[in-house]
Amino acid sequence: MLSFIKRTVPLQNQNLKLKRIIIATGIVSLAAYILLQIISPENTLTYSDEMIRAARIMENAIVIIREFCDRSDIKIESAIDPNHTGLVGPQLTELATTLGNLEAKRTTTNPNFAAVIVHLLHEAGVAAGDTIAIGCSASFPALMIASLAAAKAMELHPIIIISVGASSYGATSPGFNLSYIYEVLLREKIFTVQPGAISLGGDKDIGGDFEPLIKKKLIQQIKSSGVPFIYEADLQKNVAMRMKIYQGDSSRNRISAFINIGGSYPNIGTSELALKLKPGLNEKISIPPEEERGVIFEMADRNIPIIHLLYIRGLALKYGLPWDPIPLPIPGESALLSAQSHNDFRFWLVATSYFLTLVLFVVFGYLKTSFPIN
């Protein structure tokens, strides 16, 4: 009987010690949680309202395009464009210049891409009232809308030059090319800024790979729009024409950032340095010789931040956007805001300290209960 009591007492002591350890870890967890709530502001991004507003503008634009396609009997292929956006065209048409990735094109129709562009513009130091330049091929019509939506939400002045040549699954439908899409958005007053100019795109930016008949029709369409028409195969002359449009006649049009959408000849240029551009914001860029420079490098040479929208998977991964989402996420449904709050060094300091404290409690508690010190 006495031996049983001797065995029972240490066991009870061990259980009591375990309970104390559990209570202590609970107190530490609660303290860590309270500390995180104190040091982490509700919104790390002060412009989160602008991000959500931009996403809603883009969402509304997609609805307008969808309804226009339905009214005008413009076919939307459900197998290609399951979200019925009207912004994902056929793979191969007279306007298709290069191969494109279908999933990437569909990923860009997420309205929260507009929110990401707001974030990138703020990272570039752009503020309300600033002027930004946008160069856009028809490969990513949704990113054109996202950029204009971001500019509208931030109250910026965008100067945009578009081209109608597109990689596959972009705005490849001749009867509903990028110029037509833009016209619909203007007519429905989603946006109010006319394009600064339009070019054909494609080979040498003059539609060198288009069939003569489609090229003729496109030129007629552009000229009848009243928008300035850029038709210049020489890279330096083409870039100079674009820079003149972007810069305008007064210093008031100082460009605060340049957004490049797609991989058009005049925007990218011919230098292999273009391959080193990272998706998103680029502030320090190696400049190639003048004869190889596209608009990106001319802007960078003037110390203008570059937002490069081409490698879509990299952008989606970096900013927590779902790949090829069906259905489309709602505005504000993005990992960007929560990810930003966890990037604060104070978060990681508290989290690391909390983890190490728990490990010490568990290890010390295990040693003490397994090898009791009398």
Protein backbone atom coordinates (compact mmCIF):
# COMPACT_ATOMS: atom_id res chain seq x y z
CA MET A 1 0.00 0.00 0.00
CA LEU A 2 2.80 2.38 0.92
CA SER A 3 4.60 1.64 -2.36
CA PHE A 4 1.40 2.40 -4.30
CA ILE A 5 1.11 5.76 -2.57
CA LYS A 6 4.76 6.51 -3.36
CA ARG A 7 4.13 5.77 -7.06
CA THR A 8 0.89 7.77 -7.14
CA VAL A 9 2.26 10.98 -5.62
CA PRO A 10 4.99 11.54 -8.27
CA LEU A 11 2.41 10.78 -10.98
CA GLN A 12 0.05 13.40 -9.56
CA ASN A 13 2.94 15.85 -9.36
CA GLN A 14 3.79 15.19 -13.00
CA ASN A 15 0.17 15.76 -14.08
CA LEU A 16 0.11 19.00 -12.08
CA LYS A 17 3.30 20.16 -13.77
CA LEU A 18 1.89 19.31 -17.21
CA LYS A 19 -1.25 21.34 -16.45
CA ARG A 20 0.92 24.27 -15.40
CA ILE A 21 2.89 24.02 -18.65
CA ILE A 22 -0.32 23.93 -20.69
CA ILE A 23 -1.68 26.96 -18.83
CA ALA A 24 1.63 28.81 -19.31
CA THR A 25 1.69 28.12 -23.07
CA GLY A 26 -1.90 29.31 -23.27
CA ILE A 27 -0.98 32.56 -21.52
CA VAL A 28 2.00 33.03 -23.86
CA SER A 29 -0.24 32.40 -26.90
CA LEU A 30 -2.79 34.93 -25.69
CA ALA A 31 -0.05 37.50 -25.00
CA ALA A 32 1.43 36.97 -28.49
CA TYR A 33 -2.01 37.38 -30.09
CA ILE A 34 -2.69 40.63 -28.19
CA LEU A 35 0.76 41.96 -29.08
CA LEU A 36 0.22 41.21 -32.77
CA GLN A 37 -3.11 43.04 -32.68
CA ILE A 38 -1.37 46.07 -31.15
CA ILE A 39 1.60 46.26 -33.53
CA SER A 40 -0.30 45.27 -36.71
CA PRO A 41 -2.53 48.04 -38.07
CA GLU A 42 -5.94 47.02 -39.39
CA ASN A 43 -4.81 47.88 -42.91
CA THR A 44 -1.10 48.01 -43.66
CA LEU A 45 -1.98 49.49 -47.06
CA THR A 46 -3.46 52.95 -46.66
CA TYR A 47 -4.80 52.79 -50.21
CA SER A 48 -6.80 49.58 -49.87
CA ASP A 49 -10.01 51.50 -50.66
CA GLU A 50 -8.50 52.55 -54.00
CA MET A 51 -7.58 48.95 -54.73
CA ILE A 52 -11.12 47.72 -54.14
CA ARG A 53 -12.56 50.64 -56.11
CA ALA A 54 -10.31 49.80 -59.09
CA ALA A 55 -11.36 46.15 -58.94
CA ARG A 56 -15.03 47.16 -58.95
CA ILE A 57 -14.49 49.44 -61.96
CA MET A 58 -12.87 46.54 -63.81
CA GLU A 59 -15.66 44.18 -62.79
CA ASN A 60 -18.21 46.65 -64.14
CA ALA A 61 -16.25 46.99 -67.40
CA ILE A 62 -16.31 43.21 -67.86
CA VAL A 63 -20.09 43.20 -67.36
CA ILE A 64 -20.43 45.94 -70.00
CA ILE A 65 -18.28 44.02 -72.50
CA ARG A 66 -20.19 40.79 -71.81
CA GLU A 67 -23.56 42.46 -72.32
CA PHE A 68 -22.35 44.18 -75.50
CA CYS A 69 -21.19 40.85 -76.93
CA ASP A 70 -24.57 39.27 -76.12
CA ARG A 71 -26.48 42.15 -77.73
CA SER A 72 -24.28 42.27 -80.81
CA ASP A 73 -24.13 38.50 -81.42
CA ILE A 74 -20.37 38.48 -80.88
CA LYS A 75 -19.66 34.86 -80.12
CA ILE A 76 -18.00 34.04 -76.80
CA GLU A 77 -16.72 30.46 -76.80
CA SER A 78 -17.41 28.94 -73.39
CA ALA A 79 -14.58 26.44 -73.77
CA ILE A 80 -12.09 29.29 -74.21
CA ASP A 81 -13.75 31.95 -72.06
CA PRO A 82 -15.76 30.07 -69.38
CA ASN A 83 -16.27 33.25 -67.33
CA HIS A 84 -17.92 34.86 -70.35
CA THR A 85 -15.83 38.03 -70.22
CA GLY A 86 -15.57 38.74 -73.95
CA LEU A 87 -11.86 39.47 -73.36
CA VAL A 88 -10.45 36.08 -74.35
CA GLY A 89 -10.49 35.65 -78.11
CA PRO A 90 -9.89 32.73 -80.47
CA GLN A 91 -6.51 31.08 -80.71
CA LEU A 92 -5.81 31.65 -84.41
CA THR A 93 -7.24 34.51 -86.47
CA GLU A 94 -5.96 37.09 -88.96
CA LEU A 95 -4.93 39.26 -85.98
CA ALA A 96 -3.01 36.56 -84.09
CA THR A 97 0.68 37.40 -84.34
CA THR A 98 2.34 35.00 -81.87
CA LEU A 99 1.41 32.11 -79.59
CA GLY A 100 -0.10 32.96 -76.22
CA ASN A 101 -1.01 31.01 -73.09
CA LEU A 102 -4.75 30.53 -72.62
CA GLU A 103 -4.62 30.16 -68.84
CA ALA A 104 -2.56 33.35 -68.54
CA LYS A 105 -5.09 35.30 -70.60
CA ARG A 106 -7.96 34.06 -68.46
CA THR A 107 -6.05 34.81 -65.26
CA THR A 108 -5.76 38.49 -66.23
CA THR A 109 -9.57 38.85 -66.36
CA ASN A 110 -9.65 38.66 -62.55
CA PRO A 111 -10.90 42.14 -61.45
CA ASN A 112 -8.36 42.10 -58.63
CA PHE A 113 -5.60 42.60 -61.19
CA ALA A 114 -6.71 46.24 -61.16
CA ALA A 115 -6.07 46.28 -57.41
CA VAL A 116 -2.56 44.90 -57.96
CA ILE A 117 -1.83 47.69 -60.45
CA VAL A 118 -2.97 50.28 -57.89
CA HIS A 119 -0.49 48.71 -55.48
CA LEU A 120 2.31 48.79 -58.08
CA LEU A 121 1.61 52.43 -58.93
CA HIS A 122 1.78 53.39 -55.26
CA GLU A 123 5.04 51.47 -54.94
CA ALA A 124 6.32 53.54 -57.86
CA GLY A 125 5.46 56.72 -55.97
CA VAL A 126 2.51 57.75 -58.13
CA ALA A 127 -0.11 59.97 -56.47
CA ALA A 128 -3.46 61.52 -57.34
CA GLY A 129 -3.20 64.10 -60.11
CA ASP A 130 -0.11 62.49 -61.67
CA THR A 131 0.19 61.53 -65.32
CA ILE A 132 1.05 57.97 -66.29
CA ALA A 133 1.84 56.46 -69.69
CA ILE A 134 0.46 53.12 -70.84
CA GLY A 135 1.66 51.10 -73.83
CA CYS A 136 -0.67 48.21 -74.62
CA SER A 137 -0.74 45.48 -77.22
CA ALA A 138 -3.97 43.60 -77.80
CA SER A 139 -2.50 40.46 -76.26
CA PHE A 140 -3.95 41.32 -72.84
CA PRO A 141 -7.12 43.41 -73.24
CA ALA A 142 -8.07 42.71 -69.63
CA LEU A 143 -4.83 44.31 -68.43
CA MET A 144 -5.62 47.41 -70.47
CA ILE A 145 -8.90 47.64 -68.58
CA ALA A 146 -7.16 46.90 -65.27
CA SER A 147 -4.63 49.71 -65.85
CA LEU A 148 -7.28 52.25 -66.83
CA ALA A 149 -9.41 51.18 -63.84
CA ALA A 150 -6.43 51.69 -61.52
CA ALA A 151 -5.82 55.13 -63.02
CA LYS A 152 -9.47 56.09 -62.56
CA ALA A 153 -9.58 54.86 -58.96
CA MET A 154 -6.41 56.81 -58.14
CA GLU A 155 -7.55 59.95 -60.02
CA LEU A 156 -4.60 59.85 -62.42
CA HIS A 157 -4.25 61.17 -65.96
CA PRO A 158 -3.47 58.19 -68.26
CA ILE A 159 -2.01 58.62 -71.74
CA ILE A 160 -2.45 55.32 -73.56
CA ILE A 161 -1.23 54.03 -76.91
CA ILE A 162 -2.70 50.74 -78.09
CA SER A 163 -1.99 48.33 -80.94
CA VAL A 164 -4.44 45.86 -82.45
CA GLY A 165 -2.11 42.94 -83.13
CA ALA A 166 -2.45 40.21 -80.50
CA SER A 167 -0.99 36.92 -79.42
CA SER A 168 -3.42 34.00 -79.43
CA TYR A 169 -6.35 34.20 -77.01
CA GLY A 170 -5.99 37.97 -76.71
CA ALA A 171 -8.25 40.45 -78.53
CA THR A 172 -7.83 38.37 -81.67
CA SER A 173 -11.31 38.72 -83.16
CA PRO A 174 -11.12 41.07 -86.19
CA GLY A 175 -14.72 42.12 -85.60
CA PHE A 176 -14.06 42.90 -81.94
CA ASN A 177 -10.41 43.91 -81.79
CA LEU A 178 -8.85 46.09 -79.06
CA SER A 179 -9.89 49.33 -80.75
CA TYR A 180 -13.53 48.20 -80.80
CA ILE A 181 -13.33 47.11 -77.15
CA TYR A 182 -11.99 50.53 -76.22
CA GLU A 183 -14.79 52.26 -78.14
CA VAL A 184 -17.42 50.28 -76.21
CA LEU A 185 -15.88 51.28 -72.88
CA LEU A 186 -15.83 54.94 -73.94
CA ARG A 187 -19.40 54.85 -75.23
CA GLU A 188 -20.63 53.32 -71.97
CA LYS A 189 -18.62 55.94 -70.03
CA ILE A 190 -16.60 53.38 -68.09
CA PHE A 191 -13.60 55.45 -69.15
CA THR A 192 -13.44 58.94 -70.65
CA VAL A 193 -9.85 59.18 -71.93
CA GLN A 194 -9.37 58.69 -75.67
CA PRO A 195 -6.29 56.73 -76.79
CA GLY A 196 -3.32 58.93 -77.56
CA ALA A 197 -2.64 56.84 -80.66
CA ILE A 198 -3.26 53.45 -82.26
CA SER A 199 -0.89 51.26 -84.27
CA LEU A 200 -1.33 47.99 -86.11
CA GLY A 201 1.12 46.05 -84.02
CA GLY A 202 2.44 42.78 -85.37
CA ASP A 203 5.72 42.62 -87.28
CA LYS A 204 7.62 45.95 -87.03
CA ASP A 205 4.42 47.50 -85.61
CA ILE A 206 3.06 47.92 -89.16
CA GLY A 207 1.22 44.60 -89.42
CA GLY A 208 3.95 43.09 -91.57
CA ASP A 209 2.57 39.61 -90.88
CA PHE A 210 -1.09 40.50 -91.61
CA GLU A 211 -2.88 39.53 -94.78
CA PRO A 212 -3.24 42.55 -97.12
CA LEU A 213 -7.04 42.62 -96.91
CA ILE A 214 -7.24 42.56 -93.08
CA LYS A 215 -4.43 45.12 -92.89
CA LYS A 216 -6.37 47.44 -95.21
CA LYS A 217 -9.54 47.09 -93.13
CA LEU A 218 -7.68 47.78 -89.90
CA ILE A 219 -6.07 50.92 -91.31
CA GLN A 220 -9.49 52.15 -92.44
CA GLN A 221 -10.94 51.44 -89.00
CA ILE A 222 -8.15 53.30 -87.20
CA LYS A 223 -8.25 56.30 -89.51
CA SER A 224 -12.04 56.58 -89.24
CA SER A 225 -11.77 56.61 -85.42
CA GLY A 226 -10.09 60.00 -85.47
CA VAL A 227 -7.31 58.74 -83.18
CA PRO A 228 -3.72 59.47 -84.34
CA PHE A 229 -2.33 56.54 -86.34
CA ILE A 230 1.27 55.39 -85.85
CA TYR A 231 2.65 53.59 -88.89
CA GLU A 232 6.43 53.49 -88.67
CA ALA A 233 8.65 50.43 -89.14
CA ASP A 234 11.87 52.13 -87.98
CA LEU A 235 12.22 51.44 -84.26
CA GLN A 236 13.88 54.73 -83.28
CA LYS A 237 11.40 56.84 -85.22
CA ASN A 238 8.45 54.84 -83.86
CA VAL A 239 9.67 55.22 -80.29
CA ALA A 240 10.30 58.94 -80.80
CA MET A 241 6.71 59.41 -82.04
CA ARG A 242 5.36 57.63 -78.98
CA MET A 243 7.54 59.56 -76.55
CA LYS A 244 6.33 62.83 -78.08
CA ILE A 245 2.71 61.77 -77.52
CA TYR A 246 3.42 60.71 -73.95
CA GLN A 247 5.37 63.82 -73.05
CA GLY A 248 2.97 66.28 -74.69
CA ASP A 249 3.74 69.93 -75.28
CA SER A 250 4.05 71.02 -71.67
CA SER A 251 6.06 70.08 -68.62
CA ARG A 252 2.75 69.48 -66.84
CA ASN A 253 2.63 66.09 -68.55
CA ARG A 254 5.65 64.81 -66.67
CA ILE A 255 5.27 61.03 -66.66
CA SER A 256 5.29 59.47 -63.19
CA ALA A 257 5.29 55.84 -64.36
CA PHE A 258 5.08 53.77 -67.54
CA ILE A 259 2.92 50.64 -67.69
CA ASN A 260 3.87 48.17 -70.41
CA ILE A 261 1.27 45.56 -71.32
CA GLY A 262 2.39 42.71 -73.57
CA GLY A 263 5.47 42.42 -75.72
CA SER A 264 5.02 44.79 -78.65
CA TYR A 265 8.01 45.71 -80.82
CA PRO A 266 8.04 49.48 -80.12
CA ASN A 267 7.61 49.07 -76.36
CA ILE A 268 10.11 46.26 -75.83
CA GLY A 269 12.66 47.10 -78.53
CA THR A 270 15.22 44.64 -79.86
CA SER A 271 17.68 44.36 -76.97
CA GLU A 272 18.07 41.09 -75.07
CA LEU A 273 18.03 43.20 -71.90
CA ALA A 274 14.25 43.13 -72.22
CA LEU A 275 14.41 39.49 -71.12
CA LYS A 276 15.82 40.62 -67.77
CA LEU A 277 12.83 42.79 -66.94
CA LYS A 278 10.98 41.37 -63.97
CA PRO A 279 7.18 41.22 -63.79
CA GLY A 280 5.79 44.17 -61.87
CA LEU A 281 7.74 47.24 -60.80
CA ASN A 282 11.20 47.88 -62.26
CA GLU A 283 13.08 50.93 -61.00
CA LYS A 284 16.68 50.12 -61.92
CA ILE A 285 17.08 48.92 -65.49
CA SER A 286 20.19 48.48 -67.61
CA ILE A 287 19.85 50.68 -70.70
CA PRO A 288 20.80 49.25 -74.14
CA PRO A 289 22.20 51.24 -77.08
CA GLU A 290 19.75 53.80 -78.50
CA GLU A 291 19.12 51.86 -81.69
CA GLU A 292 17.84 48.87 -79.65
CA ARG A 293 15.66 50.74 -77.19
CA GLY A 294 11.92 50.39 -76.96
CA VAL A 295 9.72 52.82 -75.04
CA ILE A 296 10.45 50.93 -71.81
CA PHE A 297 14.13 51.80 -72.01
CA GLU A 298 13.54 55.38 -73.14
CA MET A 299 11.33 55.86 -70.09
CA ALA A 300 13.85 54.14 -67.82
CA ASP A 301 16.62 56.38 -69.21
CA ARG A 302 14.57 59.31 -67.91
CA ASN A 303 14.35 57.66 -64.45
CA ILE A 304 10.67 56.87 -64.89
CA PRO A 305 9.53 53.71 -63.01
CA ILE A 306 8.45 50.84 -65.25
CA ILE A 307 5.55 48.51 -64.47
CA HIS A 308 6.00 45.48 -66.70
CA LEU A 309 2.88 43.37 -67.23
CA LEU A 310 3.94 40.39 -69.29
CA TYR A 311 4.93 37.34 -67.21
CA ILE A 312 1.49 36.68 -65.78
CA ARG A 313 2.28 33.57 -63.74
CA GLY A 314 5.02 35.45 -61.90
CA LEU A 315 2.66 38.32 -61.12
CA ALA A 316 -0.11 35.98 -59.98
CA LEU A 317 2.25 34.07 -57.68
CA LYS A 318 3.83 37.19 -56.23
CA TYR A 319 0.54 38.89 -55.40
CA GLY A 320 -1.54 35.88 -54.43
CA LEU A 321 -3.93 35.93 -57.39
CA PRO A 322 -5.48 32.56 -58.32
CA TRP A 323 -4.33 30.97 -61.55
CA ASP A 324 -7.07 30.57 -64.16
CA PRO A 325 -9.97 31.14 -61.72
CA ILE A 326 -13.49 29.87 -62.46
CA PRO A 327 -15.63 31.75 -61.53
CA LEU A 328 -13.94 35.13 -61.31
CA PRO A 329 -13.15 36.29 -57.76
CA ILE A 330 -15.11 39.22 -56.37
CA PRO A 331 -13.39 42.62 -55.95
CA GLY A 332 -11.28 42.70 -52.82
CA GLU A 333 -10.92 38.90 -52.69
CA SER A 334 -7.14 38.94 -52.81
CA ALA A 335 -4.28 37.73 -50.67
CA LEU A 336 -2.41 41.00 -51.27
CA LEU A 337 -3.74 42.88 -48.23
CA SER A 338 -3.16 40.09 -45.70
CA ALA A 339 0.21 39.26 -47.23
CA GLN A 340 1.34 42.85 -46.77
CA SER A 341 0.52 42.87 -43.06
CA HIS A 342 2.62 39.74 -42.57
CA ASN A 343 5.60 41.28 -44.32
CA ASP A 344 6.18 43.67 -41.41
CA PHE A 345 9.40 42.75 -39.51
CA ARG A 346 7.55 43.18 -36.21
CA PHE A 347 5.17 40.38 -37.17
CA TRP A 348 8.04 37.99 -37.79
CA LEU A 349 9.86 39.10 -34.63
CA VAL A 350 6.83 38.32 -32.47
CA ALA A 351 6.04 35.10 -34.37
CA THR A 352 9.63 33.83 -34.02
CA SER A 353 9.78 34.72 -30.33
CA TYR A 354 6.46 33.01 -29.73
CA PHE A 355 7.59 29.85 -31.49
CA LEU A 356 10.89 29.68 -29.59
CA THR A 357 9.11 30.27 -26.27
CA LEU A 358 6.72 27.41 -26.94
CA VAL A 359 9.60 25.11 -27.86
CA LEU A 360 11.39 25.98 -24.60
CA PHE A 361 8.23 25.37 -22.57
CA VAL A 362 7.64 21.99 -24.21
CA VAL A 363 11.27 20.81 -23.98
CA PHE A 364 11.71 22.02 -20.39
CA GLY A 365 8.36 20.59 -19.36
CA TYR A 366 9.16 17.22 -20.96
CA LEU A 367 12.55 17.01 -19.23
CA LYS A 368 11.11 17.99 -15.89
CA THR A 369 8.25 15.49 -16.03
CA SER A 370 10.36 12.68 -17.46
CA PHE A 371 13.32 13.24 -15.15
CA PRO A 372 11.89 14.84 -11.99
CA ILE A 373 14.36 16.66 -9.86
CA ASN A 374 13.85 15.72 -6.14
